[in-house]
Amino acid sequence: MGNGPCVLTAPAQSKPRRFCSFARSTALYQRVKTGKGSFTDVSMLETGLTLMTSTIVDFLTTRIEPEQRGKAASGSAQLSP
């Protein structure tokens, strides 16, 4: 990997919120149907790995390191410190 700056992309921040919203909706639906509450847990790491599945599989099968794309990655946004 290169020595360029780390770019935190917007999906890395927004997707865990969407996963969490879906989990909450599912939990509320379950409560309405069964009357029982439930516990939901959404990991940013697991969400990120889910979003990177194709990149991870490509690397594990070909052993070719993915290139840094920075701002060129779709859906990415440079965030100010």
Protein backbone atom coordinates (compact mmCIF):
# COMPACT_ATOMS: atom_id res chain seq x y z
CA MET A 1 0.00 0.00 0.00
CA GLY A 2 1.12 3.55 -0.64
CA ASN A 3 1.96 6.22 1.86
CA GLY A 4 -0.82 8.58 0.79
CA PRO A 5 -3.31 10.08 3.19
CA CYS A 6 -6.07 7.93 4.58
CA VAL A 7 -9.42 8.98 3.15
CA LEU A 8 -12.48 8.15 5.20
CA THR A 9 -15.33 7.62 2.80
CA ALA A 10 -18.92 8.62 3.37
CA PRO A 11 -20.21 5.01 3.13
CA ALA A 12 -17.90 4.08 6.02
CA GLN A 13 -19.90 6.46 8.16
CA SER A 14 -23.41 6.22 6.73
CA LYS A 15 -23.77 2.48 6.17
CA PRO A 16 -23.49 1.48 9.86
CA ARG A 17 -26.29 3.95 10.60
CA ARG A 18 -28.43 2.35 7.90
CA PHE A 19 -27.68 -1.15 9.20
CA CYS A 20 -28.59 0.06 12.70
CA SER A 21 -31.83 1.64 11.46
CA PHE A 22 -32.80 -1.61 9.76
CA ALA A 23 -32.00 -3.55 12.94
CA ARG A 24 -34.12 -1.16 15.02
CA SER A 25 -37.01 -1.44 12.57
CA THR A 26 -36.79 -5.22 12.69
CA ALA A 27 -36.68 -5.18 16.50
CA LEU A 28 -39.72 -2.90 16.68
CA TYR A 29 -41.61 -5.13 14.26
CA GLN A 30 -40.75 -8.16 16.39
CA ARG A 31 -41.96 -6.34 19.53
CA VAL A 32 -45.27 -5.52 17.87
CA LYS A 33 -45.76 -9.11 16.72
CA THR A 34 -44.53 -10.97 19.83
CA GLY A 35 -44.60 -8.39 22.62
CA LYS A 36 -40.95 -9.15 23.41
CA GLY A 37 -38.07 -6.73 23.12
CA SER A 38 -34.73 -7.60 21.54
CA PHE A 39 -31.09 -6.52 21.62
CA THR A 40 -29.43 -5.18 18.49
CA ASP A 41 -25.70 -4.74 17.96
CA VAL A 42 -24.17 -3.14 14.86
CA SER A 43 -20.41 -3.15 14.46
CA MET A 44 -18.74 -0.54 12.25
CA LEU A 45 -15.96 -3.05 11.51
CA GLU A 46 -18.37 -5.79 10.43
CA THR A 47 -20.36 -3.31 8.36
CA GLY A 48 -17.15 -2.11 6.68
CA LEU A 49 -16.06 -5.67 5.94
CA THR A 50 -19.48 -6.39 4.45
CA LEU A 51 -19.06 -3.40 2.13
CA MET A 52 -15.56 -4.57 1.14
CA THR A 53 -16.46 -8.19 0.42
CA SER A 54 -15.64 -8.07 -3.29
CA THR A 55 -12.32 -6.31 -2.66
CA ILE A 56 -11.36 -8.82 0.04
CA VAL A 57 -12.33 -11.82 -2.12
CA ASP A 58 -10.37 -10.42 -5.07
CA PHE A 59 -7.27 -10.03 -2.91
CA LEU A 60 -7.57 -13.47 -1.32
CA THR A 61 -7.96 -15.19 -4.68
CA THR A 62 -5.43 -13.23 -6.74
CA ARG A 63 -3.04 -11.88 -4.04
CA ILE A 64 -2.96 -8.60 -5.95
CA GLU A 65 -3.17 -5.69 -3.53
CA PRO A 66 -5.93 -3.23 -4.34
CA GLU A 67 -4.74 0.24 -5.28
CA GLN A 68 -5.52 3.23 -3.14
CA ARG A 69 -8.25 5.18 -4.86
CA GLY A 70 -8.72 8.05 -2.41
CA LYS A 71 -11.19 10.56 -3.76
CA ALA A 72 -11.54 8.56 -6.98
CA ALA A 73 -13.49 5.86 -5.10
CA SER A 74 -17.19 6.03 -5.75
CA GLY A 75 -19.08 7.65 -2.91
CA SER A 76 -15.98 8.93 -1.16
CA ALA A 77 -15.58 12.29 0.46
CA GLN A 78 -12.48 13.90 1.96
CA LEU A 79 -13.31 14.81 5.54
CA SER A 80 -11.70 17.71 7.35
CA PRO A 81 -9.81 16.88 10.56
